[in-house]
Amino acid sequence: MSFMQFDYPKPRLHPKHNNWCEDLPENHEPQLVPPQLRWLTQRNDIYLEVPRYRIEVMWGGMLCAALFPLSGALLMIIILIIQYGWGSYDYVAMLLGSCGTTVLLSLFLHGLKTTFIEPRSQPIRLNRKRQKLYVYNYKQPWQPWRKAIIRISVYNWADIHGEVHFESTPGIRGYHLYGALCEPGTHQVVERFVLAKEWGEREQLNQIWSYLCMYMQHDDELPPPRNAGTEDFWQPRKADAWPEAMERESTSTP
């Protein structure tokens, strides 16, 4: 009796990512998928900037959620006043009430900062004169009194490989286009980072990768973005200004 054998696709890069779905063509190879972007911030002969929107954050929901801890803090203050009055002192109750109120107000301020201060977009820039990729990362600590951390990661484009993953975790569920930084000339992964996300349109990620690769191959026959003119709809706030040195490097020739 003979059995049919099937050759299932295997990941090209190692170690394999647990949520791996597909390897994309190498960035120096001809791209077989028609290029297409959703949004485009800037494109010229030196660099390309593409926004990365956080699809897992419901910005209006964050503002509504921020009202719950505020309500809890106000309720706690009212209960303490009713229970002990203005002239009575119960130091244990006051301490617990103060700690609880501080935590609730911190959560409220965190929600406000996420809604009105945290940038909607954390863009990437591809400089084809330098053949480098610049990734803007913004991290807001949950403590509202702490300053946000801005970090620009710089990669050699030749060492970047494309992968599609499917994340099943609630809140970030969907297909993600990952850039995998490998040791030069190998498929040994050093680091992975997100380039783009989609809820359900996996094909869109292939088109985004194709667009990025063709731009870096000095191909200017590229279509306008699908959502031309709507890249600012996630306002009220864009990303912070890039650090001066990174702004100069990422937008200039060597």
C-alpha atoms as a PDB file:
ATOM      1  CA  MET A   1       0.000   0.000   0.000  1.00  0.00           C
ATOM      2  CA  SER A   2       1.366   3.380  -0.923  1.00  0.00           C
ATOM      3  CA  PHE A   3       0.551   6.710   0.627  1.00  0.00           C
ATOM      4  CA  MET A   4       0.513  10.071  -1.062  1.00  0.00           C
ATOM      5  CA  GLN A   5       3.067  12.455   0.300  1.00  0.00           C
ATOM      6  CA  PHE A   6       2.525  16.176   0.425  1.00  0.00           C
ATOM      7  CA  ASP A   7       5.292  18.751   0.608  1.00  0.00           C
ATOM      8  CA  TYR A   8       4.042  21.451   2.929  1.00  0.00           C
ATOM      9  CA  PRO A   9       5.782  24.824   2.788  1.00  0.00           C
ATOM     10  CA  LYS A  10       8.506  25.301   5.330  1.00  0.00           C
ATOM     11  CA  PRO A  11       9.866  28.599   6.616  1.00  0.00           C
ATOM     12  CA  ARG A  12      13.033  29.835   5.004  1.00  0.00           C
ATOM     13  CA  LEU A  13      14.259  31.656   8.102  1.00  0.00           C
ATOM     14  CA  HIS A  14      15.286  30.148  11.413  1.00  0.00           C
ATOM     15  CA  PRO A  15      14.455  30.023  14.191  1.00  0.00           C
ATOM     16  CA  LYS A  16      10.874  29.726  12.969  1.00  0.00           C
ATOM     17  CA  HIS A  17       8.270  32.104  14.363  1.00  0.00           C
ATOM     18  CA  ASN A  18       5.377  30.279  16.044  1.00  0.00           C
ATOM     19  CA  ASN A  19       2.783  32.197  14.007  1.00  0.00           C
ATOM     20  CA  TRP A  20       4.570  31.909  10.644  1.00  0.00           C
ATOM     21  CA  CYS A  21       2.331  31.682   7.562  1.00  0.00           C
ATOM     22  CA  GLU A  22       4.405  32.620   4.545  1.00  0.00           C
ATOM     23  CA  ASP A  23       7.842  33.736   3.387  1.00  0.00           C
ATOM     24  CA  LEU A  24       7.801  36.622   0.945  1.00  0.00           C
ATOM     25  CA  PRO A  25      10.208  37.016  -2.005  1.00  0.00           C
ATOM     26  CA  GLU A  26      13.674  38.276  -1.165  1.00  0.00           C
ATOM     27  CA  ASN A  27      13.808  42.050  -1.316  1.00  0.00           C
ATOM     28  CA  HIS A  28      16.287  42.091  -4.225  1.00  0.00           C
ATOM     29  CA  GLU A  29      14.260  39.678  -6.368  1.00  0.00           C
ATOM     30  CA  PRO A  30      11.575  40.573  -8.946  1.00  0.00           C
ATOM     31  CA  GLN A  31       8.241  41.026  -7.192  1.00  0.00           C
ATOM     32  CA  LEU A  32       5.367  39.036  -8.691  1.00  0.00           C
ATOM     33  CA  VAL A  33       2.559  40.689  -6.684  1.00  0.00           C
ATOM     34  CA  PRO A  34       1.304  44.099  -7.900  1.00  0.00           C
ATOM     35  CA  PRO A  35       2.566  46.802  -5.517  1.00  0.00           C
ATOM     36  CA  GLN A  36       0.028  48.735  -3.451  1.00  0.00           C
ATOM     37  CA  LEU A  37       0.033  50.786  -0.259  1.00  0.00           C
ATOM     38  CA  ARG A  38      -2.894  51.831   1.891  1.00  0.00           C
ATOM     39  CA  TRP A  39      -1.329  55.125   2.997  1.00  0.00           C
ATOM     40  CA  LEU A  40       1.744  57.081   2.000  1.00  0.00           C
ATOM     41  CA  THR A  41       3.241  60.039   3.841  1.00  0.00           C
ATOM     42  CA  GLN A  42       6.157  60.970   1.570  1.00  0.00           C
ATOM     43  CA  ARG A  43       7.885  59.587  -1.511  1.00  0.00           C
ATOM     44  CA  ASN A  44      10.720  61.086  -3.519  1.00  0.00           C
ATOM     45  CA  ASP A  45      13.939  59.940  -5.144  1.00  0.00           C
ATOM     46  CA  ILE A  46      15.730  59.688  -1.784  1.00  0.00           C
ATOM     47  CA  TYR A  47      13.325  58.234   0.748  1.00  0.00           C
ATOM     48  CA  LEU A  48       9.886  56.770   1.298  1.00  0.00           C
ATOM     49  CA  GLU A  49       7.854  57.236   4.477  1.00  0.00           C
ATOM     50  CA  VAL A  50       4.898  54.972   5.250  1.00  0.00           C
ATOM     51  CA  PRO A  51       2.722  55.299   8.383  1.00  0.00           C
ATOM     52  CA  ARG A  52       2.192  52.305  10.656  1.00  0.00           C
ATOM     53  CA  TYR A  53      -1.181  52.643  12.351  1.00  0.00           C
ATOM     54  CA  ARG A  54      -1.989  50.663  15.485  1.00  0.00           C
ATOM     55  CA  ILE A  55      -5.107  48.799  14.446  1.00  0.00           C
ATOM     56  CA  GLU A  56      -5.481  47.118  17.849  1.00  0.00           C
ATOM     57  CA  VAL A  57      -6.212  50.383  19.677  1.00  0.00           C
ATOM     58  CA  MET A  58      -9.777  51.708  19.658  1.00  0.00           C
ATOM     59  CA  TRP A  59      -9.011  55.350  20.310  1.00  0.00           C
ATOM     60  CA  GLY A  60     -12.549  56.410  21.170  1.00  0.00           C
ATOM     61  CA  GLY A  61     -12.844  53.366  23.409  1.00  0.00           C
ATOM     62  CA  MET A  62      -9.691  54.396  25.265  1.00  0.00           C
ATOM     63  CA  LEU A  63     -11.267  57.746  26.081  1.00  0.00           C
ATOM     64  CA  CYS A  64     -14.470  56.077  27.324  1.00  0.00           C
ATOM     65  CA  ALA A  65     -12.451  53.564  29.335  1.00  0.00           C
ATOM     66  CA  ALA A  66     -10.550  56.431  30.962  1.00  0.00           C
ATOM     67  CA  LEU A  67     -13.790  57.730  32.465  1.00  0.00           C
ATOM     68  CA  PHE A  68     -14.299  54.592  34.566  1.00  0.00           C
ATOM     69  CA  PRO A  69     -11.264  55.081  36.852  1.00  0.00           C
ATOM     70  CA  LEU A  70     -12.135  58.782  37.125  1.00  0.00           C
ATOM     71  CA  SER A  71     -15.638  57.852  38.275  1.00  0.00           C
ATOM     72  CA  GLY A  72     -14.161  55.350  40.729  1.00  0.00           C
ATOM     73  CA  ALA A  73     -11.805  57.954  42.166  1.00  0.00           C
ATOM     74  CA  LEU A  74     -14.595  60.489  42.645  1.00  0.00           C
ATOM     75  CA  LEU A  75     -16.839  57.838  44.218  1.00  0.00           C
ATOM     76  CA  MET A  76     -14.078  56.838  46.630  1.00  0.00           C
ATOM     77  CA  ILE A  77     -13.588  60.452  47.691  1.00  0.00           C
ATOM     78  CA  ILE A  78     -17.337  60.912  48.228  1.00  0.00           C
ATOM     79  CA  ILE A  79     -17.569  57.706  50.312  1.00  0.00           C
ATOM     80  CA  LEU A  80     -14.696  58.816  52.543  1.00  0.00           C
ATOM     81  CA  ILE A  81     -16.292  62.211  53.075  1.00  0.00           C
ATOM     82  CA  ILE A  82     -19.675  60.682  53.914  1.00  0.00           C
ATOM     83  CA  GLN A  83     -18.179  58.001  56.147  1.00  0.00           C
ATOM     84  CA  TYR A  84     -15.810  60.141  58.182  1.00  0.00           C
ATOM     85  CA  GLY A  85     -16.881  63.720  57.555  1.00  0.00           C
ATOM     86  CA  TRP A  86     -14.604  66.667  57.080  1.00  0.00           C
ATOM     87  CA  GLY A  87     -13.563  66.861  60.697  1.00  0.00           C
ATOM     88  CA  SER A  88     -12.901  63.198  61.479  1.00  0.00           C
ATOM     89  CA  TYR A  89      -9.686  61.401  60.747  1.00  0.00           C
ATOM     90  CA  ASP A  90      -9.123  57.698  60.223  1.00  0.00           C
ATOM     91  CA  TYR A  91      -5.534  57.530  59.049  1.00  0.00           C
ATOM     92  CA  VAL A  92      -5.764  53.960  57.752  1.00  0.00           C
ATOM     93  CA  ALA A  93      -8.860  54.770  55.710  1.00  0.00           C
ATOM     94  CA  MET A  94      -7.281  58.001  54.488  1.00  0.00           C
ATOM     95  CA  LEU A  95      -4.117  56.169  53.432  1.00  0.00           C
ATOM     96  CA  LEU A  96      -6.031  53.449  51.599  1.00  0.00           C
ATOM     97  CA  GLY A  97      -8.331  55.997  50.026  1.00  0.00           C
ATOM     98  CA  SER A  98      -5.418  58.154  48.901  1.00  0.00           C
ATOM     99  CA  CYS A  99      -3.586  55.170  47.360  1.00  0.00           C
ATOM    100  CA  GLY A 100      -6.712  53.965  45.600  1.00  0.00           C
ATOM    101  CA  THR A 101      -7.517  57.437  44.314  1.00  0.00           C
ATOM    102  CA  THR A 102      -3.932  57.891  43.070  1.00  0.00           C
ATOM    103  CA  VAL A 103      -4.057  54.611  41.134  1.00  0.00           C
ATOM    104  CA  LEU A 104      -7.442  55.400  39.598  1.00  0.00           C
ATOM    105  CA  LEU A 105      -6.426  58.933  38.625  1.00  0.00           C
ATOM    106  CA  SER A 106      -3.202  57.534  37.089  1.00  0.00           C
ATOM    107  CA  LEU A 107      -5.260  55.167  34.939  1.00  0.00           C
ATOM    108  CA  PHE A 108      -7.497  58.061  33.937  1.00  0.00           C
ATOM    109  CA  LEU A 109      -4.531  60.221  32.911  1.00  0.00           C
ATOM    110  CA  HIS A 110      -3.007  57.279  31.033  1.00  0.00           C
ATOM    111  CA  GLY A 111      -6.218  56.953  29.012  1.00  0.00           C
ATOM    112  CA  LEU A 112      -6.164  60.665  28.221  1.00  0.00           C
ATOM    113  CA  LYS A 113      -2.526  60.535  27.108  1.00  0.00           C
ATOM    114  CA  THR A 114      -3.209  57.497  24.934  1.00  0.00           C
ATOM    115  CA  THR A 115      -6.121  59.274  23.249  1.00  0.00           C
ATOM    116  CA  PHE A 116      -4.789  62.811  22.843  1.00  0.00           C
ATOM    117  CA  ILE A 117      -0.987  62.615  23.074  1.00  0.00           C
ATOM    118  CA  GLU A 118       0.227  59.198  21.883  1.00  0.00           C
ATOM    119  CA  PRO A 119       0.871  59.324  18.107  1.00  0.00           C
ATOM    120  CA  ARG A 120      -1.469  57.342  15.892  1.00  0.00           C
ATOM    121  CA  SER A 121       1.330  56.488  13.491  1.00  0.00           C
ATOM    122  CA  GLN A 122       4.756  55.010  14.129  1.00  0.00           C
ATOM    123  CA  PRO A 123       6.187  55.356  10.626  1.00  0.00           C
ATOM    124  CA  ILE A 124       8.934  53.602   8.740  1.00  0.00           C
ATOM    125  CA  ARG A 125      11.329  55.240   6.301  1.00  0.00           C
ATOM    126  CA  LEU A 126      13.236  53.562   3.499  1.00  0.00           C
ATOM    127  CA  ASN A 127      16.235  55.487   2.175  1.00  0.00           C
ATOM    128  CA  ARG A 128      17.135  53.954  -1.166  1.00  0.00           C
ATOM    129  CA  LYS A 129      20.277  56.056  -1.583  1.00  0.00           C
ATOM    130  CA  ARG A 130      21.674  54.612   1.640  1.00  0.00           C
ATOM    131  CA  GLN A 131      19.777  51.295   1.285  1.00  0.00           C
ATOM    132  CA  LYS A 132      18.681  51.519   4.901  1.00  0.00           C
ATOM    133  CA  LEU A 133      15.404  51.047   6.758  1.00  0.00           C
ATOM    134  CA  TYR A 134      14.475  53.348   9.659  1.00  0.00           C
ATOM    135  CA  VAL A 135      11.735  52.253  12.071  1.00  0.00           C
ATOM    136  CA  TYR A 136      10.118  54.767  14.454  1.00  0.00           C
ATOM    137  CA  ASN A 137       9.137  53.240  17.808  1.00  0.00           C
ATOM    138  CA  TYR A 138       7.148  55.055  20.490  1.00  0.00           C
ATOM    139  CA  LYS A 139       6.494  53.604  23.916  1.00  0.00           C
ATOM    140  CA  GLN A 140       4.299  55.350  26.480  1.00  0.00           C
ATOM    141  CA  PRO A 141       4.737  53.958  30.022  1.00  0.00           C
ATOM    142  CA  TRP A 142       1.474  53.420  31.896  1.00  0.00           C
ATOM    143  CA  GLN A 143       2.666  55.871  34.548  1.00  0.00           C
ATOM    144  CA  PRO A 144       1.353  59.184  33.177  1.00  0.00           C
ATOM    145  CA  TRP A 145       4.101  61.210  34.820  1.00  0.00           C
ATOM    146  CA  ARG A 146       6.863  59.397  32.910  1.00  0.00           C
ATOM    147  CA  LYS A 147       8.111  60.685  29.580  1.00  0.00           C
ATOM    148  CA  ALA A 148       7.507  58.579  26.477  1.00  0.00           C
ATOM    149  CA  ILE A 149      10.436  56.698  24.979  1.00  0.00           C
ATOM    150  CA  ILE A 150      11.220  57.325  21.300  1.00  0.00           C
ATOM    151  CA  ARG A 151      13.651  54.959  19.613  1.00  0.00           C
ATOM    152  CA  ILE A 152      14.701  54.840  15.960  1.00  0.00           C
ATOM    153  CA  SER A 153      15.944  51.444  14.816  1.00  0.00           C
ATOM    154  CA  VAL A 154      18.219  51.419  11.750  1.00  0.00           C
ATOM    155  CA  TYR A 155      18.713  48.346   9.564  1.00  0.00           C
ATOM    156  CA  ASN A 156      20.598  47.504   6.394  1.00  0.00           C
ATOM    157  CA  TRP A 157      17.922  46.768   3.811  1.00  0.00           C
ATOM    158  CA  ALA A 158      19.952  43.913   2.321  1.00  0.00           C
ATOM    159  CA  ASP A 159      19.618  41.999   5.610  1.00  0.00           C
ATOM    160  CA  ILE A 160      15.811  42.350   5.858  1.00  0.00           C
ATOM    161  CA  HIS A 161      13.514  39.466   4.872  1.00  0.00           C
ATOM    162  CA  GLY A 162       9.719  39.533   4.719  1.00  0.00           C
ATOM    163  CA  GLU A 163       7.358  37.153   6.526  1.00  0.00           C
ATOM    164  CA  VAL A 164       3.597  37.014   7.063  1.00  0.00           C
ATOM    165  CA  HIS A 165       2.394  35.861  10.484  1.00  0.00           C
ATOM    166  CA  PHE A 166      -1.092  35.350  11.853  1.00  0.00           C
ATOM    167  CA  GLU A 167      -1.632  36.553  15.404  1.00  0.00           C
ATOM    168  CA  SER A 168      -4.580  34.952  17.189  1.00  0.00           C
ATOM    169  CA  THR A 169      -4.261  36.837  20.479  1.00  0.00           C
ATOM    170  CA  PRO A 170      -7.387  38.896  21.284  1.00  0.00           C
ATOM    171  CA  GLY A 171      -6.739  42.564  20.637  1.00  0.00           C
ATOM    172  CA  ILE A 172      -4.008  42.014  18.025  1.00  0.00           C
ATOM    173  CA  ARG A 173      -5.719  39.291  16.000  1.00  0.00           C
ATOM    174  CA  GLY A 174      -4.980  39.396  12.280  1.00  0.00           C
ATOM    175  CA  TYR A 175      -2.240  39.089   9.689  1.00  0.00           C
ATOM    176  CA  HIS A 176       1.018  40.919  10.285  1.00  0.00           C
ATOM    177  CA  LEU A 177       3.831  41.701   7.873  1.00  0.00           C
ATOM    178  CA  TYR A 178       7.101  41.195   9.712  1.00  0.00           C
ATOM    179  CA  GLY A 179      10.561  42.317   8.781  1.00  0.00           C
ATOM    180  CA  ALA A 180      13.180  39.813   9.907  1.00  0.00           C
ATOM    181  CA  LEU A 181      16.723  41.068  10.381  1.00  0.00           C
ATOM    182  CA  CYS A 182      19.169  38.265   9.597  1.00  0.00           C
ATOM    183  CA  GLU A 183      22.905  37.970   9.939  1.00  0.00           C
ATOM    184  CA  PRO A 184      24.461  39.212   6.665  1.00  0.00           C
ATOM    185  CA  GLY A 185      24.355  36.572   3.951  1.00  0.00           C
ATOM    186  CA  THR A 186      22.385  34.081   6.062  1.00  0.00           C
ATOM    187  CA  HIS A 187      18.823  33.173   7.064  1.00  0.00           C
ATOM    188  CA  GLN A 188      19.653  33.248  10.788  1.00  0.00           C
ATOM    189  CA  VAL A 189      17.208  35.687  12.399  1.00  0.00           C
ATOM    190  CA  VAL A 190      18.575  38.258  14.812  1.00  0.00           C
ATOM    191  CA  GLU A 191      15.405  40.310  15.321  1.00  0.00           C
ATOM    192  CA  ARG A 192      11.819  40.542  14.054  1.00  0.00           C
ATOM    193  CA  PHE A 193       9.648  43.660  13.932  1.00  0.00           C
ATOM    194  CA  VAL A 194       6.235  44.595  12.532  1.00  0.00           C
ATOM    195  CA  LEU A 195       6.063  46.487   9.246  1.00  0.00           C
ATOM    196  CA  ALA A 196       2.284  46.443   8.722  1.00  0.00           C
ATOM    197  CA  LYS A 197      -0.915  44.848  10.064  1.00  0.00           C
ATOM    198  CA  GLU A 198      -4.203  43.765   8.574  1.00  0.00           C
ATOM    199  CA  TRP A 199      -7.351  42.397  10.187  1.00  0.00           C
ATOM    200  CA  GLY A 200      -8.273  40.074   7.351  1.00  0.00           C
ATOM    201  CA  GLU A 201      -6.719  41.095   4.028  1.00  0.00           C
ATOM    202  CA  ARG A 202      -3.606  38.983   3.904  1.00  0.00           C
ATOM    203  CA  GLU A 203      -3.047  39.840   0.215  1.00  0.00           C
ATOM    204  CA  GLN A 204      -2.655  43.507   1.135  1.00  0.00           C
ATOM    205  CA  LEU A 205       0.494  42.637   3.092  1.00  0.00           C
ATOM    206  CA  ASN A 206       2.018  40.971   0.031  1.00  0.00           C
ATOM    207  CA  GLN A 207       1.267  44.129  -1.946  1.00  0.00           C
ATOM    208  CA  ILE A 208       2.871  46.339   0.709  1.00  0.00           C
ATOM    209  CA  TRP A 209       6.034  44.218   0.721  1.00  0.00           C
ATOM    210  CA  SER A 210       6.142  44.305  -3.076  1.00  0.00           C
ATOM    211  CA  TYR A 211       5.841  48.104  -3.032  1.00  0.00           C
ATOM    212  CA  LEU A 212       8.670  48.538  -0.507  1.00  0.00           C
ATOM    213  CA  CYS A 213      10.976  46.211  -2.427  1.00  0.00           C
ATOM    214  CA  MET A 214      10.275  47.801  -5.800  1.00  0.00           C
ATOM    215  CA  TYR A 215      10.891  51.279  -4.394  1.00  0.00           C
ATOM    216  CA  MET A 216      14.257  50.190  -2.974  1.00  0.00           C
ATOM    217  CA  GLN A 217      15.070  48.656  -6.372  1.00  0.00           C
ATOM    218  CA  HIS A 218      14.709  52.183  -7.847  1.00  0.00           C
ATOM    219  CA  ASP A 219      11.477  51.379  -9.604  1.00  0.00           C
ATOM    220  CA  ASP A 220       9.385  54.541  -9.888  1.00  0.00           C
ATOM    221  CA  GLU A 221       6.474  52.987 -11.768  1.00  0.00           C
ATOM    222  CA  LEU A 222       4.483  52.673  -8.556  1.00  0.00           C
ATOM    223  CA  PRO A 223       0.762  53.399  -8.125  1.00  0.00           C
ATOM    224  CA  PRO A 224      -0.667  55.985  -5.732  1.00  0.00           C
ATOM    225  CA  PRO A 225      -1.800  54.668  -2.327  1.00  0.00           C
ATOM    226  CA  ARG A 226      -5.253  53.147  -2.081  1.00  0.00           C
ATOM    227  CA  ASN A 227      -6.350  55.724   0.509  1.00  0.00           C
ATOM    228  CA  ALA A 228      -4.656  58.753  -1.047  1.00  0.00           C
ATOM    229  CA  GLY A 229      -5.425  61.941   0.867  1.00  0.00           C
ATOM    230  CA  THR A 230      -6.736  60.159   3.969  1.00  0.00           C
ATOM    231  CA  GLU A 231      -3.466  59.429   5.752  1.00  0.00           C
ATOM    232  CA  ASP A 232      -4.338  61.980   8.464  1.00  0.00           C
ATOM    233  CA  PHE A 233      -7.714  60.547   9.404  1.00  0.00           C
ATOM    234  CA  TRP A 234      -6.301  59.092  12.633  1.00  0.00           C
ATOM    235  CA  GLN A 235      -5.738  62.559  14.030  1.00  0.00           C
ATOM    236  CA  PRO A 236      -5.538  64.403  16.436  1.00  0.00           C
ATOM    237  CA  ARG A 237      -1.835  63.576  16.535  1.00  0.00           C
ATOM    238  CA  LYS A 238       0.932  62.330  14.285  1.00  0.00           C
ATOM    239  CA  ALA A 239       4.255  60.957  15.427  1.00  0.00           C
ATOM    240  CA  ASP A 240       6.663  63.156  17.334  1.00  0.00           C
ATOM    241  CA  ALA A 241       9.444  64.797  15.382  1.00  0.00           C
ATOM    242  CA  TRP A 242      12.285  62.440  14.652  1.00  0.00           C
ATOM    243  CA  PRO A 243      15.521  63.110  16.548  1.00  0.00           C
ATOM    244  CA  GLU A 244      17.500  65.675  14.582  1.00  0.00           C
ATOM    245  CA  ALA A 245      20.370  63.358  13.641  1.00  0.00           C
ATOM    246  CA  MET A 246      17.980  60.605  12.462  1.00  0.00           C
ATOM    247  CA  GLU A 247      15.821  63.107  10.570  1.00  0.00           C
ATOM    248  CA  ARG A 248      18.874  64.370   8.678  1.00  0.00           C
ATOM    249  CA  GLU A 249      20.287  60.912   7.968  1.00  0.00           C
ATOM    250  CA  SER A 250      17.054  59.197   6.945  1.00  0.00           C
ATOM    251  CA  THR A 251      16.084  61.905   4.431  1.00  0.00           C
ATOM    252  CA  SER A 252      19.455  62.605   2.793  1.00  0.00           C
ATOM    253  CA  THR A 253      21.969  60.982   0.471  1.00  0.00           C
ATOM    254  CA  PRO A 254      25.225  59.532   1.827  1.00  0.00           C
END
